[in-house]
PDB file of N, CA and C in Angstrom:
ATOM      1  N   MET A   1     -13.620  -3.618  29.524  1.00  0.00           N
ATOM      2  CA  MET A   1     -13.812  -3.533  27.969  1.00  0.00           C
ATOM      3  C   MET A   1     -13.031  -4.586  27.226  1.00  0.00           C
ATOM      4  N   TRP A   2     -11.784  -4.685  27.568  1.00  0.00           N
ATOM      5  CA  TRP A   2     -11.035  -5.798  26.779  1.00  0.00           C
ATOM      6  C   TRP A   2     -11.570  -7.164  27.035  1.00  0.00           C
ATOM      7  N   LEU A   3     -11.926  -7.216  28.398  1.00  0.00           N
ATOM      8  CA  LEU A   3     -12.274  -8.725  28.760  1.00  0.00           C
ATOM      9  C   LEU A   3     -13.554  -9.296  28.070  1.00  0.00           C
ATOM     10  N   ARG A   4     -14.505  -8.301  27.492  1.00  0.00           N
ATOM     11  CA  ARG A   4     -15.418  -8.633  26.855  1.00  0.00           C
ATOM     12  C   ARG A   4     -15.329  -8.964  25.402  1.00  0.00           C
ATOM     13  N   VAL A   5     -14.026  -8.940  24.723  1.00  0.00           N
ATOM     14  CA  VAL A   5     -13.718  -9.357  23.509  1.00  0.00           C
ATOM     15  C   VAL A   5     -13.358 -10.829  23.578  1.00  0.00           C
ATOM     16  N   GLU A   6     -14.041 -11.434  22.679  1.00  0.00           N
ATOM     17  CA  GLU A   6     -13.876 -12.856  22.730  1.00  0.00           C
ATOM     18  C   GLU A   6     -12.470 -13.295  22.285  1.00  0.00           C
ATOM     19  N   GLY A   7     -11.785 -14.169  22.823  1.00  0.00           N
ATOM     20  CA  GLY A   7     -10.519 -14.646  22.725  1.00  0.00           C
ATOM     21  C   GLY A   7      -9.329 -13.737  23.174  1.00  0.00           C
ATOM     22  N   PHE A   8      -9.682 -12.675  23.893  1.00  0.00           N
ATOM     23  CA  PHE A   8      -8.817 -11.780  24.611  1.00  0.00           C
ATOM     24  C   PHE A   8      -7.853 -12.389  25.606  1.00  0.00           C
ATOM     25  N   LYS A   9      -8.354 -13.386  26.378  1.00  0.00           N
ATOM     26  CA  LYS A   9      -7.545 -13.833  27.491  1.00  0.00           C
ATOM     27  C   LYS A   9      -6.478 -14.990  26.820  1.00  0.00           C
ATOM     28  N   ASP A  10      -6.898 -15.621  25.404  1.00  0.00           N
ATOM     29  CA  ASP A  10      -6.102 -16.246  25.004  1.00  0.00           C
ATOM     30  C   ASP A  10      -5.014 -15.691  24.305  1.00  0.00           C
ATOM     31  N   LEU A  11      -5.419 -14.443  23.579  1.00  0.00           N
ATOM     32  CA  LEU A  11      -4.327 -13.646  22.888  1.00  0.00           C
ATOM     33  C   LEU A  11      -3.263 -13.237  24.098  1.00  0.00           C
ATOM     34  N   LEU A  12      -3.708 -12.752  25.110  1.00  0.00           N
ATOM     35  CA  LEU A  12      -2.571 -12.379  26.317  1.00  0.00           C
ATOM     36  C   LEU A  12      -1.775 -13.657  26.653  1.00  0.00           C
ATOM     37  N   ARG A  13      -2.411 -14.962  26.676  1.00  0.00           N
ATOM     38  CA  ARG A  13      -1.553 -15.924  27.152  1.00  0.00           C
ATOM     39  C   ARG A  13      -0.484 -16.193  26.025  1.00  0.00           C
ATOM     40  N   SER A  14      -1.105 -16.106  24.773  1.00  0.00           N
ATOM     41  CA  SER A  14      -0.011 -16.214  23.571  1.00  0.00           C
ATOM     42  C   SER A  14       1.096 -15.404  23.566  1.00  0.00           C
ATOM     43  N   TRP A  15       0.793 -13.928  23.712  1.00  0.00           N
ATOM     44  CA  TRP A  15       1.594 -13.113  23.889  1.00  0.00           C
ATOM     45  C   TRP A  15       2.837 -13.403  25.028  1.00  0.00           C
ATOM     46  N   TRP A  16       2.336 -13.690  26.173  1.00  0.00           N
ATOM     47  CA  TRP A  16       2.960 -13.977  27.284  1.00  0.00           C
ATOM     48  C   TRP A  16       4.186 -14.981  27.219  1.00  0.00           C
ATOM     49  N   GLN A  17       3.343 -16.265  26.575  1.00  0.00           N
ATOM     50  CA  GLN A  17       4.279 -17.480  26.345  1.00  0.00           C
ATOM     51  C   GLN A  17       5.182 -17.371  25.151  1.00  0.00           C
ATOM     52  N   GLY A  18       4.873 -16.328  24.240  1.00  0.00           N
ATOM     53  CA  GLY A  18       5.784 -16.116  23.078  1.00  0.00           C
ATOM     54  C   GLY A  18       6.938 -15.265  23.171  1.00  0.00           C
ATOM     55  N   MET A  19       6.904 -14.604  24.561  1.00  0.00           N
ATOM     56  CA  MET A  19       8.223 -14.049  24.797  1.00  0.00           C
ATOM     57  C   MET A  19       9.174 -14.744  25.684  1.00  0.00           C
ATOM     58  N   VAL A  20      10.197 -14.850  25.106  1.00  0.00           N
ATOM     59  CA  VAL A  20      11.297 -15.499  25.705  1.00  0.00           C
ATOM     60  C   VAL A  20      12.303 -14.596  26.079  1.00  0.00           C
ATOM     61  N   VAL A  21      12.780 -14.558  27.515  1.00  0.00           N
ATOM     62  CA  VAL A  21      13.630 -13.702  28.018  1.00  0.00           C
ATOM     63  C   VAL A  21      14.545 -14.284  28.926  1.00  0.00           C
ATOM     64  N   SER A  22      15.654 -14.082  29.041  1.00  0.00           N
ATOM     65  CA  SER A  22      16.578 -14.942  30.128  1.00  0.00           C
ATOM     66  C   SER A  22      17.208 -13.987  30.829  1.00  0.00           C
ATOM     67  N   GLY A  23      17.346 -14.302  32.388  1.00  0.00           N
ATOM     68  CA  GLY A  23      17.970 -13.279  33.165  1.00  0.00           C
ATOM     69  C   GLY A  23      17.238 -13.827  34.463  1.00  0.00           C
ATOM     70  N   ARG A  24      17.425 -12.876  35.431  1.00  0.00           N
ATOM     71  CA  ARG A  24      16.914 -13.024  36.736  1.00  0.00           C
ATOM     72  C   ARG A  24      15.413 -12.981  36.661  1.00  0.00           C
ATOM     73  N   ALA A  25      14.599 -13.318  37.709  1.00  0.00           N
ATOM     74  CA  ALA A  25      13.082 -13.523  37.708  1.00  0.00           C
ATOM     75  C   ALA A  25      12.497 -11.948  37.467  1.00  0.00           C
ATOM     76  N   SER A  26      13.180 -11.074  38.397  1.00  0.00           N
ATOM     77  CA  SER A  26      12.614  -9.666  38.458  1.00  0.00           C
ATOM     78  C   SER A  26      12.732  -9.125  37.004  1.00  0.00           C
ATOM     79  N   TYR A  27      13.878  -9.343  36.312  1.00  0.00           N
ATOM     80  CA  TYR A  27      14.102  -8.842  34.823  1.00  0.00           C
ATOM     81  C   TYR A  27      13.184  -9.504  34.102  1.00  0.00           C
ATOM     82  N   LYS A  28      13.077 -10.833  34.052  1.00  0.00           N
ATOM     83  CA  LYS A  28      12.043 -11.449  33.196  1.00  0.00           C
ATOM     84  C   LYS A  28      10.875 -10.850  33.156  1.00  0.00           C
ATOM     85  N   LEU A  29      10.157 -10.626  34.500  1.00  0.00           N
ATOM     86  CA  LEU A  29       8.844 -10.046  34.698  1.00  0.00           C
ATOM     87  C   LEU A  29       8.733  -8.827  34.184  1.00  0.00           C
ATOM     88  N   ALA A  30       9.683  -7.942  34.469  1.00  0.00           N
ATOM     89  CA  ALA A  30       9.753  -6.571  34.003  1.00  0.00           C
ATOM     90  C   ALA A  30       9.697  -6.433  32.346  1.00  0.00           C
ATOM     91  N   THR A  31      10.478  -7.249  31.940  1.00  0.00           N
ATOM     92  CA  THR A  31      10.722  -7.206  30.317  1.00  0.00           C
ATOM     93  C   THR A  31       9.349  -7.570  29.783  1.00  0.00           C
ATOM     94  N   LYS A  32       8.954  -8.773  30.436  1.00  0.00           N
ATOM     95  CA  LYS A  32       7.524  -9.369  29.527  1.00  0.00           C
ATOM     96  C   LYS A  32       6.506  -8.357  29.877  1.00  0.00           C
ATOM     97  N   LEU A  33       6.396  -7.575  31.148  1.00  0.00           N
ATOM     98  CA  LEU A  33       5.400  -6.680  31.237  1.00  0.00           C
ATOM     99  C   LEU A  33       5.562  -5.558  30.334  1.00  0.00           C
ATOM    100  N   LYS A  34       6.645  -4.973  30.050  1.00  0.00           N
ATOM    101  CA  LYS A  34       6.886  -3.921  29.128  1.00  0.00           C
ATOM    102  C   LYS A  34       6.435  -4.241  27.617  1.00  0.00           C
ATOM    103  N   GLY A  35       6.633  -5.581  27.344  1.00  0.00           N
ATOM    104  CA  GLY A  35       6.448  -6.049  26.037  1.00  0.00           C
ATOM    105  C   GLY A  35       4.670  -6.398  26.155  1.00  0.00           C
ATOM    106  N   MET A  36       4.195  -6.764  27.026  1.00  0.00           N
ATOM    107  CA  MET A  36       2.661  -6.852  27.112  1.00  0.00           C
ATOM    108  C   MET A  36       2.187  -5.372  26.830  1.00  0.00           C
ATOM    109  N   LYS A  37       2.652  -4.494  27.693  1.00  0.00           N
ATOM    110  CA  LYS A  37       2.063  -3.094  27.405  1.00  0.00           C
ATOM    111  C   LYS A  37       2.008  -2.512  25.908  1.00  0.00           C
ATOM    112  N   GLN A  38       3.329  -2.899  25.313  1.00  0.00           N
ATOM    113  CA  GLN A  38       3.316  -2.448  23.789  1.00  0.00           C
ATOM    114  C   GLN A  38       2.194  -3.063  23.067  1.00  0.00           C
ATOM    115  N   ASN A  39       2.346  -4.405  23.316  1.00  0.00           N
ATOM    116  CA  ASN A  39       1.210  -5.159  22.474  1.00  0.00           C
ATOM    117  C   ASN A  39      -0.265  -4.782  22.719  1.00  0.00           C
ATOM    118  N   LEU A  40      -0.404  -4.433  24.056  1.00  0.00           N
ATOM    119  CA  LEU A  40      -1.888  -3.997  24.435  1.00  0.00           C
ATOM    120  C   LEU A  40      -2.147  -2.775  23.707  1.00  0.00           C
ATOM    121  N   LYS A  41      -1.328  -1.690  23.659  1.00  0.00           N
ATOM    122  CA  LYS A  41      -1.330  -0.420  23.134  1.00  0.00           C
ATOM    123  C   LYS A  41      -1.607  -0.681  21.480  1.00  0.00           C
ATOM    124  N   ILE A  42      -0.949  -1.438  20.762  1.00  0.00           N
ATOM    125  CA  ILE A  42      -1.088  -1.497  19.365  1.00  0.00           C
ATOM    126  C   ILE A  42      -2.520  -2.397  19.321  1.00  0.00           C
ATOM    127  N   TRP A  43      -2.693  -3.310  20.038  1.00  0.00           N
ATOM    128  CA  TRP A  43      -4.073  -3.860  20.041  1.00  0.00           C
ATOM    129  C   TRP A  43      -5.227  -3.256  20.152  1.00  0.00           C
ATOM    130  N   ASN A  44      -5.217  -2.440  21.208  1.00  0.00           N
ATOM    131  CA  ASN A  44      -6.361  -1.624  21.500  1.00  0.00           C
ATOM    132  C   ASN A  44      -6.647  -0.662  20.391  1.00  0.00           C
ATOM    133  N   ARG A  45      -5.445   0.000  19.991  1.00  0.00           N
ATOM    134  CA  ARG A  45      -5.715   0.812  18.897  1.00  0.00           C
ATOM    135  C   ARG A  45      -6.228   0.417  17.522  1.00  0.00           C
ATOM    136  N   GLU A  46      -6.046  -0.821  17.225  1.00  0.00           N
ATOM    137  CA  GLU A  46      -6.375  -1.719  16.009  1.00  0.00           C
ATOM    138  C   GLU A  46      -7.888  -2.146  16.358  1.00  0.00           C
ATOM    139  N   VAL A  47      -8.200  -2.749  17.579  1.00  0.00           N
ATOM    140  CA  VAL A  47      -9.532  -3.070  17.734  1.00  0.00           C
ATOM    141  C   VAL A  47     -10.507  -1.977  18.137  1.00  0.00           C
ATOM    142  N   PHE A  48     -10.227  -0.982  18.855  1.00  0.00           N
ATOM    143  CA  PHE A  48     -11.166  -0.088  19.340  1.00  0.00           C
ATOM    144  C   PHE A  48     -11.050   1.216  18.736  1.00  0.00           C
ATOM    145  N   GLY A  49      -9.817   1.554  18.078  1.00  0.00           N
ATOM    146  CA  GLY A  49      -9.550   2.835  17.533  1.00  0.00           C
ATOM    147  C   GLY A  49      -9.574   4.035  18.408  1.00  0.00           C
ATOM    148  N   ASN A  50      -9.983   5.169  17.851  1.00  0.00           N
ATOM    149  CA  ASN A  50     -10.138   6.242  18.702  1.00  0.00           C
ATOM    150  C   ASN A  50     -11.654   6.291  19.137  1.00  0.00           C
ATOM    151  N   LEU A  51     -11.894   6.010  20.432  1.00  0.00           N
ATOM    152  CA  LEU A  51     -13.138   5.997  20.991  1.00  0.00           C
ATOM    153  C   LEU A  51     -14.053   7.234  20.618  1.00  0.00           C
ATOM    154  N   GLU A  52     -13.628   8.437  20.867  1.00  0.00           N
ATOM    155  CA  GLU A  52     -14.330   9.465  20.574  1.00  0.00           C
ATOM    156  C   GLU A  52     -14.678   9.681  19.154  1.00  0.00           C
ATOM    157  N   SER A  53     -13.829   9.451  18.283  1.00  0.00           N
ATOM    158  CA  SER A  53     -14.281   9.476  16.833  1.00  0.00           C
ATOM    159  C   SER A  53     -15.496   8.461  16.413  1.00  0.00           C
ATOM    160  N   ASN A  54     -15.045   7.163  16.987  1.00  0.00           N
ATOM    161  CA  ASN A  54     -15.932   5.906  16.678  1.00  0.00           C
ATOM    162  C   ASN A  54     -17.186   6.346  17.351  1.00  0.00           C
ATOM    163  N   LYS A  55     -17.420   7.072  18.547  1.00  0.00           N
ATOM    164  CA  LYS A  55     -18.728   7.130  19.149  1.00  0.00           C
ATOM    165  C   LYS A  55     -19.302   8.208  18.439  1.00  0.00           C
ATOM    166  N   LEU A  56     -18.663   9.183  17.875  1.00  0.00           N
ATOM    167  CA  LEU A  56     -19.201  10.200  16.997  1.00  0.00           C
ATOM    168  C   LEU A  56     -19.881   9.637  15.781  1.00  0.00           C
ATOM    169  N   ALA A  57     -19.112   8.672  15.077  1.00  0.00           N
ATOM    170  CA  ALA A  57     -19.334   8.108  13.906  1.00  0.00           C
ATOM    171  C   ALA A  57     -20.812   7.268  13.976  1.00  0.00           C
ATOM    172  N   ALA A  58     -20.784   6.594  15.224  1.00  0.00           N
ATOM    173  CA  ALA A  58     -22.050   5.621  15.621  1.00  0.00           C
ATOM    174  C   ALA A  58     -23.174   6.684  15.851  1.00  0.00           C
ATOM    175  N   LEU A  59     -22.922   7.728  16.446  1.00  0.00           N
ATOM    176  CA  LEU A  59     -24.030   8.775  16.562  1.00  0.00           C
ATOM    177  C   LEU A  59     -24.768   9.190  15.424  1.00  0.00           C
ATOM    178  N   GLN A  60     -23.560   9.675  14.506  1.00  0.00           N
ATOM    179  CA  GLN A  60     -24.183   9.968  13.103  1.00  0.00           C
ATOM    180  C   GLN A  60     -24.953   8.887  12.307  1.00  0.00           C
ATOM    181  N   GLN A  61     -24.453   7.758  12.488  1.00  0.00           N
ATOM    182  CA  GLN A  61     -25.344   6.625  11.866  1.00  0.00           C
ATOM    183  C   GLN A  61     -26.711   6.473  12.344  1.00  0.00           C
ATOM    184  N   VAL A  62     -26.745   6.544  13.819  1.00  0.00           N
ATOM    185  CA  VAL A  62     -28.182   6.358  14.238  1.00  0.00           C
ATOM    186  C   VAL A  62     -28.954   7.633  13.919  1.00  0.00           C
ATOM    187  N   ASP A  63     -28.244   8.746  14.025  1.00  0.00           N
ATOM    188  CA  ASP A  63     -29.135  10.080  13.360  1.00  0.00           C
ATOM    189  C   ASP A  63     -29.555   9.823  12.037  1.00  0.00           C
ATOM    190  N   TYR A  64     -28.974   9.341  11.130  1.00  0.00           N
ATOM    191  CA  TYR A  64     -29.015   8.853   9.821  1.00  0.00           C
ATOM    192  C   TYR A  64     -30.134   8.173   9.567  1.00  0.00           C
ATOM    193  N   TRP A  65     -30.111   6.924  10.379  1.00  0.00           N
ATOM    194  CA  TRP A  65     -31.161   5.824  10.422  1.00  0.00           C
ATOM    195  C   TRP A  65     -32.643   6.519  10.805  1.00  0.00           C
ATOM    196  N   ASP A  66     -32.710   7.391  11.799  1.00  0.00           N
ATOM    197  CA  ASP A  66     -33.685   7.963  12.330  1.00  0.00           C
ATOM    198  C   ASP A  66     -34.289   8.942  11.436  1.00  0.00           C
ATOM    199  N   GLN A  67     -33.437   9.647  10.610  1.00  0.00           N
ATOM    200  CA  GLN A  67     -34.035  10.448   9.698  1.00  0.00           C
ATOM    201  C   GLN A  67     -34.750   9.792   8.543  1.00  0.00           C
ATOM    202  N   VAL A  68     -34.107   8.639   8.196  1.00  0.00           N
ATOM    203  CA  VAL A  68     -34.519   7.841   7.026  1.00  0.00           C
ATOM    204  C   VAL A  68     -35.950   7.236   7.444  1.00  0.00           C
ATOM    205  N   GLU A  69     -35.756   6.877   8.745  1.00  0.00           N
ATOM    206  CA  GLU A  69     -37.243   6.347   9.105  1.00  0.00           C
ATOM    207  C   GLU A  69     -38.270   7.326   9.351  1.00  0.00           C
ATOM    208  N   SER A  70     -37.994   8.616   9.389  1.00  0.00           N
ATOM    209  CA  SER A  70     -39.101   9.578   9.573  1.00  0.00           C
ATOM    210  C   SER A  70     -39.601   9.853   8.085  1.00  0.00           C
ATOM    211  N   GLU A  71     -38.752   9.331   7.156  1.00  0.00           N
ATOM    212  CA  GLU A  71     -39.150   9.743   5.735  1.00  0.00           C
ATOM    213  C   GLU A  71     -39.988   8.199   5.205  1.00  0.00           C
ATOM    214  N   ARG A  72     -39.406   7.197   5.637  1.00  0.00           N
ATOM    215  CA  ARG A  72     -40.133   5.829   5.215  1.00  0.00           C
ATOM    216  C   ARG A  72     -39.746   4.796   6.219  1.00  0.00           C
ATOM    217  N   ARG A  73     -40.414   3.638   5.959  1.00  0.00           N
ATOM    218  CA  ARG A  73     -40.291   2.494   7.019  1.00  0.00           C
ATOM    219  C   ARG A  73     -38.726   1.792   6.535  1.00  0.00           C
ATOM    220  N   LEU A  74     -38.346   1.632   7.684  1.00  0.00           N
ATOM    221  CA  LEU A  74     -36.929   0.740   7.353  1.00  0.00           C
ATOM    222  C   LEU A  74     -36.845  -0.621   7.034  1.00  0.00           C
ATOM    223  N   SER A  75     -36.089  -1.117   6.137  1.00  0.00           N
ATOM    224  CA  SER A  75     -36.000  -2.431   5.973  1.00  0.00           C
ATOM    225  C   SER A  75     -35.543  -3.161   7.059  1.00  0.00           C
ATOM    226  N   GLU A  76     -35.795  -4.628   7.247  1.00  0.00           N
ATOM    227  CA  GLU A  76     -35.405  -5.259   8.318  1.00  0.00           C
ATOM    228  C   GLU A  76     -33.697  -5.198   8.540  1.00  0.00           C
ATOM    229  N   GLU A  77     -32.985  -5.080   7.590  1.00  0.00           N
ATOM    230  CA  GLU A  77     -31.535  -4.956   7.579  1.00  0.00           C
ATOM    231  C   GLU A  77     -31.183  -3.652   8.110  1.00  0.00           C
ATOM    232  N   GLU A  78     -31.696  -2.409   7.422  1.00  0.00           N
ATOM    233  CA  GLU A  78     -31.585  -1.162   8.200  1.00  0.00           C
ATOM    234  C   GLU A  78     -31.969  -0.962   9.662  1.00  0.00           C
ATOM    235  N   PHE A  79     -33.189  -1.642   9.901  1.00  0.00           N
ATOM    236  CA  PHE A  79     -33.515  -1.442  11.223  1.00  0.00           C
ATOM    237  C   PHE A  79     -32.580  -2.235  12.234  1.00  0.00           C
ATOM    238  N   SER A  80     -32.011  -3.340  11.592  1.00  0.00           N
ATOM    239  CA  SER A  80     -30.988  -4.111  12.377  1.00  0.00           C
ATOM    240  C   SER A  80     -29.599  -3.316  12.691  1.00  0.00           C
ATOM    241  N   ARG A  81     -29.410  -2.534  11.645  1.00  0.00           N
ATOM    242  CA  ARG A  81     -28.120  -1.655  11.823  1.00  0.00           C
ATOM    243  C   ARG A  81     -28.264  -0.658  12.793  1.00  0.00           C
ATOM    244  N   ARG A  82     -29.469  -0.113  12.875  1.00  0.00           N
ATOM    245  CA  ARG A  82     -29.557   1.016  13.596  1.00  0.00           C
ATOM    246  C   ARG A  82     -29.746   0.747  15.101  1.00  0.00           C
ATOM    247  N   LYS A  83     -30.437  -0.422  15.208  1.00  0.00           N
ATOM    248  CA  LYS A  83     -30.682  -1.012  16.552  1.00  0.00           C
ATOM    249  C   LYS A  83     -29.401  -1.644  17.126  1.00  0.00           C
ATOM    250  N   LYS A  84     -28.507  -1.964  16.248  1.00  0.00           N
ATOM    251  CA  LYS A  84     -27.019  -2.323  16.810  1.00  0.00           C
ATOM    252  C   LYS A  84     -26.145  -1.155  17.267  1.00  0.00           C
ATOM    253  N   ARG A  85     -26.329  -0.016  16.222  1.00  0.00           N
ATOM    254  CA  ARG A  85     -25.556   1.094  16.765  1.00  0.00           C
ATOM    255  C   ARG A  85     -26.156   1.645  18.002  1.00  0.00           C
ATOM    256  N   LYS A  86     -27.466   1.824  18.191  1.00  0.00           N
ATOM    257  CA  LYS A  86     -28.006   2.417  19.237  1.00  0.00           C
ATOM    258  C   LYS A  86     -27.723   1.689  20.582  1.00  0.00           C
ATOM    259  N   LYS A  87     -27.497   0.210  20.434  1.00  0.00           N
ATOM    260  CA  LYS A  87     -27.099  -0.557  21.749  1.00  0.00           C
ATOM    261  C   LYS A  87     -25.586  -0.288  21.941  1.00  0.00           C
ATOM    262  N   ALA A  88     -24.614  -0.122  20.917  1.00  0.00           N
ATOM    263  CA  ALA A  88     -23.336   0.103  21.008  1.00  0.00           C
ATOM    264  C   ALA A  88     -23.346   1.586  21.789  1.00  0.00           C
ATOM    265  N   MET A  89     -23.971   2.549  21.464  1.00  0.00           N
ATOM    266  CA  MET A  89     -24.020   3.728  22.127  1.00  0.00           C
ATOM    267  C   MET A  89     -24.209   3.563  23.576  1.00  0.00           C
ATOM    268  N   LEU A  90     -25.325   2.921  23.813  1.00  0.00           N
ATOM    269  CA  LEU A  90     -26.009   2.714  25.262  1.00  0.00           C
ATOM    270  C   LEU A  90     -24.993   2.004  26.085  1.00  0.00           C
ATOM    271  N   ASN A  91     -24.283   0.997  25.390  1.00  0.00           N
ATOM    272  CA  ASN A  91     -23.227   0.185  26.122  1.00  0.00           C
ATOM    273  C   ASN A  91     -22.253   1.112  26.525  1.00  0.00           C
ATOM    274  N   GLY A  92     -21.749   1.813  25.489  1.00  0.00           N
ATOM    275  CA  GLY A  92     -20.484   2.973  25.648  1.00  0.00           C
ATOM    276  C   GLY A  92     -19.198   2.055  25.681  1.00  0.00           C
ATOM    277  N   SER A  93     -19.253   0.742  25.221  1.00  0.00           N
ATOM    278  CA  SER A  93     -17.939   0.036  25.670  1.00  0.00           C
ATOM    279  C   SER A  93     -17.627  -0.755  24.296  1.00  0.00           C
ATOM    280  N   ARG A  94     -18.464  -0.719  23.150  1.00  0.00           N
ATOM    281  CA  ARG A  94     -18.206  -1.644  21.886  1.00  0.00           C
ATOM    282  C   ARG A  94     -17.807  -0.782  20.819  1.00  0.00           C
ATOM    283  N   TRP A  95     -17.083   0.280  20.819  1.00  0.00           N
ATOM    284  CA  TRP A  95     -16.734   0.967  19.657  1.00  0.00           C
ATOM    285  C   TRP A  95     -15.702   0.524  18.797  1.00  0.00           C
ATOM    286  N   MET A  96     -15.983  -0.662  18.357  1.00  0.00           N
ATOM    287  CA  MET A  96     -15.024  -1.401  17.435  1.00  0.00           C
ATOM    288  C   MET A  96     -15.087  -0.883  16.044  1.00  0.00           C
ATOM    289  N   ARG A  97     -13.987  -1.018  15.465  1.00  0.00           N
ATOM    290  CA  ARG A  97     -13.790  -0.597  14.033  1.00  0.00           C
ATOM    291  C   ARG A  97     -14.553  -1.663  13.096  1.00  0.00           C
ATOM    292  N   SER A  98     -14.115  -2.820  13.479  1.00  0.00           N
ATOM    293  CA  SER A  98     -14.529  -4.094  12.690  1.00  0.00           C
ATOM    294  C   SER A  98     -15.898  -4.109  12.766  1.00  0.00           C
ATOM    295  N   THR A  99     -16.524  -4.896  11.794  1.00  0.00           N
ATOM    296  CA  THR A  99     -18.312  -5.108  12.163  1.00  0.00           C
ATOM    297  C   THR A  99     -18.529  -6.329  13.055  1.00  0.00           C
ATOM    298  N   GLY A 100     -17.464  -7.121  13.011  1.00  0.00           N
ATOM    299  CA  GLY A 100     -17.839  -8.246  14.077  1.00  0.00           C
ATOM    300  C   GLY A 100     -17.174  -8.226  15.439  1.00  0.00           C
ATOM    301  N   ASP A 101     -17.496  -8.985  16.315  1.00  0.00           N
ATOM    302  CA  ASP A 101     -17.000  -9.029  17.652  1.00  0.00           C
ATOM    303  C   ASP A 101     -15.631  -9.800  17.785  1.00  0.00           C
ATOM    304  N   ASN A 102     -15.171 -10.345  16.877  1.00  0.00           N
ATOM    305  CA  ASN A 102     -13.868 -11.194  17.041  1.00  0.00           C
ATOM    306  C   ASN A 102     -12.866 -10.497  16.456  1.00  0.00           C
ATOM    307  N   TYR A 103     -11.629 -10.308  17.139  1.00  0.00           N
ATOM    308  CA  TYR A 103     -10.605  -9.860  16.610  1.00  0.00           C
ATOM    309  C   TYR A 103      -9.586 -11.006  16.139  1.00  0.00           C
ATOM    310  N   GLN A 104      -9.166 -10.954  15.065  1.00  0.00           N
ATOM    311  CA  GLN A 104      -8.434 -11.793  14.435  1.00  0.00           C
ATOM    312  C   GLN A 104      -6.825 -11.537  14.210  1.00  0.00           C
ATOM    313  N   GLY A 105      -6.562 -10.232  14.431  1.00  0.00           N
ATOM    314  CA  GLY A 105      -5.049  -9.852  14.255  1.00  0.00           C
ATOM    315  C   GLY A 105      -4.270 -10.262  15.332  1.00  0.00           C
ATOM    316  N   SER A 106      -3.026  -9.987  15.211  1.00  0.00           N
ATOM    317  CA  SER A 106      -1.982 -10.407  16.314  1.00  0.00           C
ATOM    318  C   SER A 106      -0.843  -9.309  16.397  1.00  0.00           C
ATOM    319  N   CYS A 107      -0.219  -9.205  17.536  1.00  0.00           N
ATOM    320  CA  CYS A 107       0.734  -8.135  17.792  1.00  0.00           C
ATOM    321  C   CYS A 107       1.931  -8.926  18.390  1.00  0.00           C
ATOM    322  N   GLY A 108       3.226  -8.344  18.443  1.00  0.00           N
ATOM    323  CA  GLY A 108       4.305  -8.725  18.774  1.00  0.00           C
ATOM    324  C   GLY A 108       5.044  -9.681  17.973  1.00  0.00           C
TER     325      GLY A 108
END
């Protein structure tokens, strides 16, 4: 899931290279890995949020557009929104809070 986010590898690289740790190699590695874990936790929460609640929200939006469509024809924009939500539900891996696919935030 994370690898599908554009720029994720570059973000990891910048986190790793941004951590300055002195000491033995094993200590440096352990410290950097702990830092990466913390950054990933924060980043994951910011980008993907709570997957179950995001999934439920997407399902409710699809249901809404289906109901609207049963009453009238959807505009192109409405149809596109419904299609995007249905695709996200089928993929099961893109429950992002943001409307775009690019994450511009930073951690650490």
